[in-house]
Protein backbone atom coordinates (compact mmCIF):
# COMPACT_ATOMS: atom_id res chain seq x y z
CA MET A 1 -15.47 27.22 -8.88
CA SER A 2 -12.00 25.74 -9.43
CA ASP A 3 -10.39 29.21 -9.47
CA SER A 4 -11.88 29.88 -6.05
CA VAL A 5 -10.90 26.87 -4.50
CA VAL A 6 -7.28 27.16 -5.82
CA THR A 7 -7.37 30.88 -4.52
CA GLU A 8 -8.42 29.81 -0.78
CA LEU A 9 -5.94 26.83 -0.85
CA GLN A 10 -3.09 29.39 -1.75
CA ALA A 11 -4.23 31.66 0.82
CA ALA A 12 -4.20 28.98 3.48
CA LEU A 13 -1.28 26.79 2.31
CA GLY A 14 0.68 28.88 0.12
CA PRO A 15 4.22 26.98 -0.44
CA ARG A 16 2.41 23.52 0.18
CA LEU A 17 0.74 23.95 -3.30
CA ASP A 18 2.40 22.37 -6.39
CA PHE A 19 1.34 23.17 -9.87
CA ASP A 20 4.19 21.45 -11.72
CA GLU A 21 2.85 19.84 -14.96
CA ALA A 22 5.02 16.79 -14.71
CA ALA A 23 3.99 16.23 -11.12
CA LEU A 24 0.29 16.68 -12.01
CA GLU A 25 0.63 14.38 -14.82
CA ALA A 26 2.25 11.76 -12.56
CA CYS A 27 -0.69 11.79 -10.23
CA ARG A 28 -3.13 10.60 -13.13
CA THR A 29 -1.65 7.05 -12.62
CA ASP A 30 -0.22 4.48 -10.28
CA ARG A 31 1.64 1.08 -10.68
CA SER A 32 -1.68 -0.35 -11.97
CA GLY A 33 -0.91 1.59 -15.12
CA MET A 34 -4.61 2.97 -15.19
CA TYR A 35 -4.91 6.68 -16.02
CA ALA A 36 -7.41 9.07 -14.71
CA THR A 37 -9.50 11.32 -17.22
CA GLY A 38 -8.23 14.94 -17.45
CA ARG A 39 -5.68 16.56 -15.06
CA PRO A 40 -5.99 17.41 -11.37
CA LEU A 41 -6.40 20.92 -10.13
CA VAL A 42 -3.36 21.03 -7.84
CA ILE A 43 -1.19 18.83 -5.47
CA VAL A 44 -1.46 19.86 -1.86
CA ARG A 45 1.99 18.56 -0.21
CA ALA A 46 0.68 18.35 3.20
CA GLU A 47 3.36 18.60 6.03
CA SER A 48 1.10 18.40 9.10
CA ILE A 49 -2.49 17.31 10.21
CA ALA A 50 -3.23 21.03 10.11
CA ASP A 51 -2.46 21.22 6.36
CA VAL A 52 -4.81 18.09 5.73
CA GLN A 53 -7.37 19.65 7.80
CA ALA A 54 -7.29 23.02 5.97
CA THR A 55 -7.58 21.33 2.56
CA LEU A 56 -10.43 19.29 3.52
CA ARG A 57 -12.25 22.30 5.00
CA ILE A 58 -11.88 24.15 1.84
CA ALA A 59 -12.72 21.33 -0.47
CA HIS A 60 -15.74 20.43 1.49
CA ALA A 61 -17.07 23.98 1.48
CA HIS A 62 -16.86 24.03 -2.44
CA GLY A 63 -17.67 20.17 -2.83
CA THR A 64 -14.45 19.83 -4.71
CA PRO A 65 -13.10 16.12 -4.92
CA VAL A 66 -10.06 15.21 -3.14
CA VAL A 67 -7.87 12.24 -3.87
CA THR A 68 -5.54 11.20 -1.08
CA ARG A 69 -2.10 9.94 -2.39
CA GLY A 70 0.92 8.36 -0.71
CA ALA A 71 3.76 6.73 -2.66
CA GLY A 72 1.70 5.99 -5.74
CA SER A 73 2.65 2.32 -5.58
CA GLY A 74 -0.85 0.97 -5.70
CA LEU A 75 -2.13 -1.79 -8.14
CA ALA A 76 -5.76 -0.81 -8.39
CA GLY A 77 -6.15 2.67 -9.56
CA ALA A 78 -7.31 3.85 -6.19
CA ALA A 79 -5.25 6.82 -5.76
CA ILE A 80 -5.26 8.45 -9.29
CA ALA A 81 -6.58 11.91 -9.67
CA GLY A 82 -8.18 13.41 -12.64
CA ASP A 83 -10.13 16.55 -13.97
CA GLY A 84 -11.14 19.02 -11.36
CA GLU A 85 -9.53 16.85 -8.31
CA ILE A 86 -7.35 18.10 -5.44
CA VAL A 87 -4.34 15.60 -5.03
CA LEU A 88 -3.77 15.60 -1.25
CA SER A 89 -0.28 14.15 -0.83
CA THR A 90 0.90 12.80 2.48
CA GLU A 91 4.49 11.99 1.05
CA ARG A 92 6.11 14.75 3.30
CA MET A 93 4.42 13.39 6.62
CA ARG A 94 7.21 10.88 7.55
CA LYS A 95 7.86 11.56 11.10
CA ILE A 96 8.33 8.96 13.69
CA HIS A 97 6.73 10.29 16.75
CA GLU A 98 7.24 7.40 19.26
CA ILE A 99 8.93 4.03 19.52
CA SER A 100 8.02 2.17 22.69
CA VAL A 101 9.96 -1.06 23.36
CA ASP A 102 7.97 -1.82 26.45
CA ASN A 103 4.68 -1.67 24.67
CA GLN A 104 5.86 -2.90 21.38
CA LEU A 105 4.41 -0.08 19.49
CA CYS A 106 5.15 3.03 17.45
CA VAL A 107 3.36 6.08 16.51
CA VAL A 108 4.21 7.35 12.77
CA GLU A 109 2.96 9.74 10.33
CA PRO A 110 1.46 8.33 6.94
CA GLY A 111 4.28 9.14 4.51
CA ILE A 112 7.04 7.11 6.06
CA LEU A 113 8.07 4.23 3.83
CA ASN A 114 7.42 0.71 4.97
CA GLY A 115 11.23 -0.27 4.44
CA GLU A 116 12.31 2.99 6.20
CA LEU A 117 10.34 2.45 9.15
CA ASN A 118 11.60 -1.04 9.64
CA ALA A 119 15.12 0.13 9.02
CA GLU A 120 14.72 2.34 12.22
CA LEU A 121 12.67 -0.03 14.18
CA ALA A 122 15.54 -2.53 13.68
CA LYS A 123 17.82 -0.42 15.83
CA HIS A 124 15.34 -1.15 18.72
CA GLY A 125 15.23 -4.76 18.14
CA LEU A 126 11.55 -4.41 16.76
CA TRP A 127 9.84 -4.66 13.29
CA TRP A 128 6.34 -3.93 11.70
CA ALA A 129 5.29 -7.20 10.14
CA PRO A 130 3.48 -6.22 6.87
CA ASP A 131 5.70 -6.99 4.07
CA PRO A 132 4.37 -6.10 0.68
CA ALA A 133 6.65 -6.85 -2.31
CA SER A 134 6.82 -2.87 -2.73
CA LYS A 135 7.82 -2.25 0.81
CA ALA A 136 10.97 -0.32 -0.28
CA ILE A 137 8.63 2.19 -2.23
CA SER A 138 5.20 1.92 -0.48
CA SER A 139 4.09 4.20 2.36
CA VAL A 140 2.66 3.12 5.71
CA GLY A 141 -0.40 5.24 5.06
CA GLY A 142 -0.95 3.55 1.74
CA ASN A 143 -0.35 0.01 3.24
CA ILE A 144 -3.03 1.06 5.73
CA ALA A 145 -5.54 2.55 3.19
CA MET A 146 -5.29 -0.53 1.13
CA ASN A 147 -4.95 -3.28 3.90
CA ALA A 148 -1.68 -4.34 2.30
CA GLY A 149 -0.54 -7.90 2.37
CA GLY A 150 2.58 -9.39 1.17
CA LEU A 151 4.97 -12.54 1.41
CA LEU A 152 4.83 -12.83 5.17
CA CYS A 153 0.99 -12.99 5.52
CA THR A 154 0.89 -16.70 5.92
CA LYS A 155 2.32 -16.32 9.25
CA TYR A 156 2.05 -12.64 10.36
CA GLY A 157 -1.19 -11.56 8.67
CA VAL A 158 -2.25 -8.49 6.55
CA THR A 159 -1.89 -4.80 7.77
CA ARG A 160 -5.06 -4.96 9.76
CA GLU A 161 -3.41 -7.29 12.28
CA ALA A 162 -0.78 -4.74 13.04
CA VAL A 163 -2.56 -1.42 13.59
CA LEU A 164 -3.76 -0.40 16.90
CA ALA A 165 -5.18 3.14 16.24
CA LEU A 166 -5.37 5.91 13.83
CA LYS A 167 -5.96 9.62 13.57
CA VAL A 168 -8.13 10.30 10.51
CA VAL A 169 -9.22 13.61 9.09
CA LEU A 170 -12.89 13.56 7.94
CA ALA A 171 -14.41 14.95 4.80
CA ASP A 172 -15.39 18.37 6.63
CA GLY A 173 -11.85 18.59 8.14
CA GLU A 174 -12.64 17.23 11.60
CA LEU A 175 -9.91 15.11 13.28
CA LEU A 176 -11.15 11.75 14.52
CA GLU A 177 -9.21 9.24 16.85
CA VAL A 178 -9.97 5.62 16.51
CA GLY A 179 -8.84 2.45 18.17
CA HIS A 180 -6.73 1.89 21.00
CA ARG A 181 -3.21 2.31 22.26
CA THR A 182 -3.76 -0.96 24.36
CA VAL A 183 -3.55 -4.38 22.77
CA LYS A 184 -7.12 -4.98 23.88
CA GLY A 185 -10.18 -2.74 23.24
CA VAL A 186 -13.65 -3.45 22.58
CA THR A 187 -15.75 -0.45 23.25
CA GLY A 188 -18.15 0.41 20.53
CA TYR A 189 -17.98 -0.37 16.88
CA ASP A 190 -14.39 -0.95 15.43
CA LEU A 191 -14.10 2.30 13.41
CA CYS A 192 -10.29 1.71 13.28
CA ALA A 193 -10.85 -1.62 11.38
CA LEU A 194 -13.25 0.21 9.13
CA MET A 195 -10.87 2.81 8.02
CA ILE A 196 -8.16 0.21 7.21
CA GLY A 197 -8.80 -0.82 3.48
CA SER A 198 -11.22 1.93 2.88
CA GLU A 199 -9.02 3.20 0.09
CA GLY A 200 -9.23 6.85 0.93
CA THR A 201 -13.13 6.95 0.61
CA LEU A 202 -14.00 7.64 4.33
CA GLY A 203 -11.22 9.84 5.71
CA VAL A 204 -7.50 10.65 5.41
CA ILE A 205 -5.15 8.76 7.65
CA VAL A 206 -2.80 11.19 9.16
CA GLU A 207 -1.18 9.23 12.19
CA ALA A 208 -1.09 5.45 12.82
CA THR A 209 -0.40 3.69 16.19
CA LEU A 210 1.26 0.39 14.93
CA GLN A 211 1.64 -2.88 16.70
CA LEU A 212 5.41 -4.19 16.70
CA ARG A 213 6.96 -7.62 17.09
CA PRO A 214 10.35 -8.42 18.43
CA LEU A 215 12.86 -8.52 15.46
CA VAL A 216 13.37 -12.04 14.18
CA THR A 217 16.55 -13.69 15.31
CA GLY A 218 18.43 -16.98 14.87
CA VAL A 219 18.72 -18.98 11.65
CA VAL A 220 16.21 -18.40 8.83
CA PRO A 221 16.17 -21.34 6.49
CA THR A 222 15.11 -20.78 2.90
CA ILE A 223 13.77 -23.59 0.56
CA GLY A 224 13.46 -23.28 -3.11
CA CYS A 225 11.50 -26.18 -4.71
CA TYR A 226 11.02 -26.81 -8.43
CA PHE A 227 8.11 -29.27 -9.16
CA PRO A 228 7.01 -31.15 -12.41
CA SER A 229 3.49 -29.52 -12.09
CA ILE A 230 1.65 -26.89 -10.49
CA ALA A 231 -0.59 -29.42 -9.20
CA ASP A 232 2.29 -31.14 -7.25
CA ALA A 233 3.67 -27.91 -5.93
CA ALA A 234 0.05 -26.60 -4.79
CA ALA A 235 -0.68 -30.03 -3.24
CA CYS A 236 2.51 -29.82 -1.29
CA SER A 237 1.84 -26.48 0.07
CA ALA A 238 -1.65 -27.63 1.16
CA GLU A 239 0.06 -30.56 2.81
CA ILE A 240 2.54 -28.21 4.86
CA THR A 241 -0.49 -26.31 6.05
CA ARG A 242 -2.47 -29.55 6.91
CA ARG A 243 0.62 -30.81 9.08
CA GLY A 244 0.48 -27.78 11.03
CA LEU A 245 3.85 -26.31 9.85
CA GLN A 246 3.81 -22.57 9.80
CA PRO A 247 6.33 -20.95 7.39
CA ALA A 248 6.88 -17.21 7.28
CA ILE A 249 7.03 -17.35 3.45
CA MET A 250 5.31 -19.85 1.22
CA GLU A 251 5.07 -18.33 -2.53
CA LEU A 252 4.24 -20.38 -5.69
CA LEU A 253 5.06 -19.35 -9.30
CA ASP A 254 3.43 -21.05 -12.39
CA ARG A 255 5.40 -21.88 -15.35
CA HIS A 256 4.55 -18.81 -17.27
CA MET A 257 6.21 -16.57 -14.55
CA LEU A 258 9.10 -18.68 -14.39
CA ARG A 259 9.42 -18.04 -18.14
CA ALA A 260 9.10 -14.42 -17.80
CA ILE A 261 11.76 -14.32 -15.02
CA THR A 262 14.11 -16.45 -17.04
CA ASN A 263 13.90 -13.75 -20.02
CA TYR A 264 14.25 -11.03 -17.52
CA THR A 265 17.36 -12.21 -15.59
CA GLY A 266 19.14 -14.48 -18.24
CA ILE A 267 19.06 -17.29 -15.61
CA ASP A 268 17.36 -20.44 -16.69
CA PHE A 269 14.61 -21.25 -14.00
CA ALA A 270 12.02 -22.27 -16.71
CA SER A 271 13.80 -25.56 -17.56
CA ARG A 272 14.11 -26.52 -13.79
CA GLY A 273 10.36 -27.32 -13.32
CA GLU A 274 6.84 -26.25 -14.23
CA ALA A 275 6.20 -24.55 -10.87
CA TYR A 276 8.45 -23.05 -8.15
CA LEU A 277 7.61 -23.07 -4.44
CA LEU A 278 9.66 -20.64 -2.17
CA ILE A 279 9.47 -21.31 1.51
CA GLN A 280 11.07 -19.68 4.41
CA THR A 281 10.83 -20.56 8.05
CA ASP A 282 11.62 -18.54 11.10
CA GLY A 283 11.45 -18.90 15.05
CA HIS A 284 12.80 -21.29 17.36
CA ALA A 285 11.58 -24.45 15.37
CA ALA A 286 12.78 -23.15 11.98
CA LEU A 287 15.42 -25.74 11.19
CA ASP A 288 13.19 -28.71 12.24
CA GLU A 289 10.31 -27.13 10.11
CA ALA A 290 12.57 -26.66 7.19
CA GLU A 291 13.78 -30.24 7.37
CA SER A 292 10.23 -31.57 7.35
CA ILE A 293 9.22 -29.33 4.55
CA ALA A 294 12.23 -30.12 2.36
CA ALA A 295 11.57 -33.87 2.95
CA LEU A 296 8.00 -33.50 2.03
CA ALA A 297 8.62 -31.54 -1.15
CA ARG A 298 11.28 -34.21 -2.21
CA GLU A 299 8.84 -36.99 -1.54
CA ARG A 300 6.48 -35.06 -4.20
CA GLY A 301 9.23 -35.14 -6.80
CA ALA A 302 10.64 -31.67 -6.29
CA ASP A 303 14.15 -30.49 -6.90
CA VAL A 304 15.02 -28.71 -3.58
CA GLU A 305 17.43 -26.21 -2.57
CA VAL A 306 17.91 -25.56 1.25
CA THR A 307 20.16 -22.74 2.50
CA THR A 308 20.61 -20.80 5.88
CA ASP A 309 23.24 -18.47 4.22
CA PRO A 310 21.66 -14.98 3.91
CA GLU A 311 23.08 -14.25 0.48
CA ALA A 312 22.08 -17.61 -1.04
CA ALA A 313 18.70 -17.09 0.57
CA ALA A 314 18.25 -13.78 -0.99
CA SER A 315 18.90 -15.36 -4.45
CA LEU A 316 16.13 -18.00 -3.86
CA VAL A 317 13.70 -15.02 -2.68
CA ASP A 318 14.65 -12.88 -5.65
CA VAL A 319 13.07 -15.41 -7.97
CA ARG A 320 9.60 -14.47 -6.42
CA ARG A 321 10.41 -10.77 -6.00
CA ASN A 322 11.44 -10.38 -9.78
CA GLY A 323 8.28 -11.48 -10.90
CA PHE A 324 6.37 -8.27 -11.22
CA LEU A 325 9.45 -6.62 -12.72
CA ALA A 326 9.96 -9.54 -15.20
CA VAL A 327 6.53 -9.11 -16.46
CA GLU A 328 6.75 -5.48 -16.69
CA ALA A 329 9.85 -5.75 -18.77
CA MET A 330 8.01 -7.62 -21.54
CA GLY A 331 7.14 -3.94 -22.66
CA GLN A 332 3.43 -4.58 -23.14
CA ALA A 333 0.48 -3.42 -20.98
CA MET A 334 -0.37 -5.69 -18.14
CA LEU A 335 -3.53 -6.23 -16.01
CA VAL A 336 -2.29 -7.10 -12.47
CA GLU A 337 -5.07 -9.07 -10.72
CA ASP A 338 -5.52 -10.22 -6.86
CA VAL A 339 -7.93 -13.04 -6.49
CA ALA A 340 -8.00 -15.31 -3.35
CA VAL A 341 -9.27 -18.59 -2.94
CA PRO A 342 -9.56 -21.27 -0.26
CA ARG A 343 -6.06 -22.81 -0.03
CA ASP A 344 -7.45 -26.38 -1.13
CA ARG A 345 -8.89 -24.82 -4.34
CA MET A 346 -5.61 -23.37 -5.75
CA VAL A 347 -5.22 -26.07 -8.27
CA GLU A 348 -8.78 -25.49 -9.66
CA MET A 349 -7.93 -21.76 -10.00
CA PHE A 350 -4.76 -22.28 -11.67
CA ASP A 351 -6.47 -24.76 -14.11
CA ALA A 352 -9.09 -22.18 -14.75
CA LEU A 353 -6.45 -19.63 -15.55
CA ASP A 354 -4.71 -21.56 -18.23
CA ASP A 355 -8.01 -22.47 -19.64
CA ILE A 356 -8.83 -18.73 -19.95
CA ALA A 357 -5.52 -17.89 -21.26
CA GLU A 358 -5.74 -20.49 -24.13
CA ARG A 359 -9.27 -19.54 -25.00
CA TYR A 360 -8.59 -15.98 -25.11
CA GLY A 361 -4.96 -16.12 -26.81
CA LEU A 362 -3.52 -14.39 -23.75
CA PHE A 363 -0.09 -14.69 -21.70
CA ILE A 364 -1.21 -14.98 -18.04
CA ALA A 365 1.73 -15.39 -15.46
CA THR A 366 0.62 -16.21 -11.97
CA PRO A 367 2.77 -15.81 -8.95
CA SER A 368 0.82 -16.59 -5.72
CA HIS A 369 0.92 -16.33 -1.91
CA ALA A 370 0.36 -20.19 -1.55
CA GLY A 371 0.11 -19.91 2.26
CA ASP A 372 -3.04 -17.95 2.12
CA GLY A 373 -4.56 -18.74 -1.22
CA ASN A 374 -3.89 -15.40 -2.88
CA LEU A 375 -3.19 -15.46 -6.56
CA HIS A 376 -1.97 -12.59 -8.73
CA PRO A 377 -2.74 -13.52 -12.45
CA THR A 378 -1.06 -10.93 -14.60
CA ILE A 379 -2.54 -10.64 -18.05
CA VAL A 380 -0.13 -9.29 -20.71
CA PHE A 381 -1.65 -7.71 -23.65
CA GLU A 382 -0.95 -5.44 -26.54
CA GLY A 383 -2.38 -1.81 -25.98
CA SER A 384 -2.74 0.24 -22.75
CA LEU A 385 -4.94 0.30 -19.64
CA ASP A 386 -6.43 3.57 -21.01
CA ASP A 387 -8.13 1.37 -23.58
CA VAL A 388 -8.16 -2.40 -22.49
CA PRO A 389 -9.30 -4.62 -25.34
CA GLU A 390 -12.88 -6.01 -24.67
CA HIS A 391 -11.49 -9.58 -24.84
CA VAL A 392 -9.18 -8.86 -21.98
CA TRP A 393 -11.95 -7.67 -19.59
CA GLN A 394 -13.78 -10.70 -20.68
CA ALA A 395 -10.96 -12.92 -19.54
CA ALA A 396 -10.58 -10.83 -16.37
CA SER A 397 -14.36 -11.18 -15.80
CA GLU A 398 -14.22 -15.05 -16.13
CA MET A 399 -11.23 -15.07 -13.61
CA PHE A 400 -13.16 -13.23 -10.96
CA THR A 401 -16.30 -15.28 -11.44
CA LYS A 402 -14.21 -18.24 -11.01
CA ALA A 403 -12.80 -17.17 -8.00
CA LEU A 404 -16.07 -16.40 -6.47
CA GLU A 405 -17.42 -19.72 -7.49
CA LEU A 406 -14.55 -21.34 -5.69
CA GLY A 407 -15.62 -19.56 -2.52
CA GLY A 408 -12.94 -16.66 -3.12
CA THR A 409 -12.92 -13.02 -3.35
CA LEU A 410 -11.97 -10.38 -5.89
CA SER A 411 -8.99 -8.96 -3.96
CA GLY A 412 -6.71 -10.55 -1.35
CA GLU A 413 -4.60 -7.27 -0.90
CA HIS A 414 -4.62 -4.83 -3.56
CA GLY A 415 -7.90 -3.44 -3.10
CA ILE A 416 -10.94 -2.42 -5.45
CA GLY A 417 -10.09 0.99 -6.55
CA LEU A 418 -11.02 1.62 -10.18
CA LEU A 419 -9.85 -1.66 -11.48
CA LYS A 420 -12.42 -3.97 -9.90
CA ARG A 421 -15.39 -1.68 -9.06
CA ARG A 422 -17.74 -3.13 -11.76
CA TRP A 423 -17.66 -6.61 -10.12
CA LEU A 424 -17.89 -5.56 -6.57
CA GLY A 425 -21.61 -6.01 -6.23
CA GLU A 426 -21.31 -9.51 -7.55
CA GLU A 427 -19.29 -10.47 -4.48
CA LEU A 428 -21.08 -8.48 -1.99
CA GLY A 429 -24.62 -9.11 -3.02
CA THR A 430 -27.34 -6.35 -3.31
CA ARG A 431 -27.97 -5.62 0.37
CA GLN A 432 -24.42 -5.71 1.62
CA TYR A 433 -23.40 -3.28 -1.30
CA GLU A 434 -26.14 -1.01 -0.43
CA LEU A 435 -25.14 -0.97 3.26
CA GLN A 436 -21.48 -0.15 2.40
CA GLN A 437 -22.68 2.74 0.10
CA GLN A 438 -24.74 4.03 3.14
CA ILE A 439 -21.53 4.08 5.16
CA LYS A 440 -19.72 5.95 2.57
CA ARG A 441 -22.60 8.46 2.55
CA LEU A 442 -22.55 8.81 6.25
CA PHE A 443 -18.78 9.51 6.39
CA ASP A 444 -18.77 11.60 3.19
CA PRO A 445 -22.28 13.00 2.56
CA LYS A 446 -20.83 15.32 -0.39
CA ASP A 447 -18.78 12.46 -2.08
CA ILE A 448 -15.74 14.44 -2.15
CA LEU A 449 -13.27 11.73 -0.75
CA ASN A 450 -11.92 9.59 -3.66
CA PRO A 451 -15.22 9.70 -5.53
CA GLY A 452 -15.76 6.87 -8.05
CA LYS A 453 -13.33 4.66 -6.44
CA VAL A 454 -14.51 1.33 -5.09
CA PHE A 455 -17.95 2.03 -5.82
CA ALA A 456 -19.24 2.41 -9.36
CA PRO A 457 -20.94 5.86 -10.08
CA GLU A 458 -24.68 5.48 -9.13
CA GLN A 459 -26.64 5.57 -12.46
């Protein structure tokens, strides 16, 4: 069966096919560190909507699984491909078809990188708000497929809030257009929103109409605050929200993350406090808001730095952006998690993480988006994600259960993929889990689109 599929793909797509061993091996993993079992059949390096349609028509006819892949920067194992699967790469689909200043929108292909797009939009005085930490290496299509978040979510929202319409190729190769070019549009069910965050299980995103914002101008104050405890820092962030202040960035690092960053950079952040709160304000009231926030942080015992100098601000922001790299540099395996809880329950979640780390003898470093209650507990352990020790999974399970007990969710922005599928039913409940599976079957009756991701295989 695999030989006939490859033969048909060669006849239809010829030079778009890639059989390079190293390239195939790279598609078995992503930035989560998880590996798929076996090796994919082939990579189709699509350059047009027609290429995607041809691939899916052939795969659908043979019942061959297809894993759509953008930049491979995901953290949940959602775009990794294994034995007998076709990798459908949209990396070469990078065109910007339109930038409309009047309508504050653009139309782009899925392979363009987030950072590349914003560099081009800046020439027109516009920007696309989603700001994942991986924006320099993550694709717009991947951002949409995973409903990516990032540092600016507290003010500007996640990817869903910045997508107007999509072109999606369905499992049988048919092209579907969902959403609206207009800002408003409420005709029928919102299939555009359904596609956002669907992790490649319902269709392949081949074009996106994105809602843009005017480029932020004026002074952008940045505040770095070192607190004596995580509780003090979390309480300060909650008070900022309670007072109606709306920073663009509000990030919180615990002492374990500060220790990792200190080791990574050689700069002693760890001795300055037990927690680091990074805040950035923008807009017409940016300076007034920054002054109010700095005063509040000082009242709560923080060592505070405030700057409007772009270079100094970048240094303060880099403390946060270096977090993932710092833990990665420890040279051990790591499980990067992504729970979210109500903002007023963050201290309880941090306390639970410390307790879990102590009981299981693990190093857990936790950066968080304090503005929206999204924590990224990162478990460091000896071994690999091919063979995660059982006590690590037990610790992760307790972490997820605690987040749900606090009224939270398994994932704020990374998605489910392979990493969290075993716990999805616990959050959704039996009936909602069944309904979501039915939606998957409606769009993909042969289960060829990213099978095994999000939903655990049915027993």
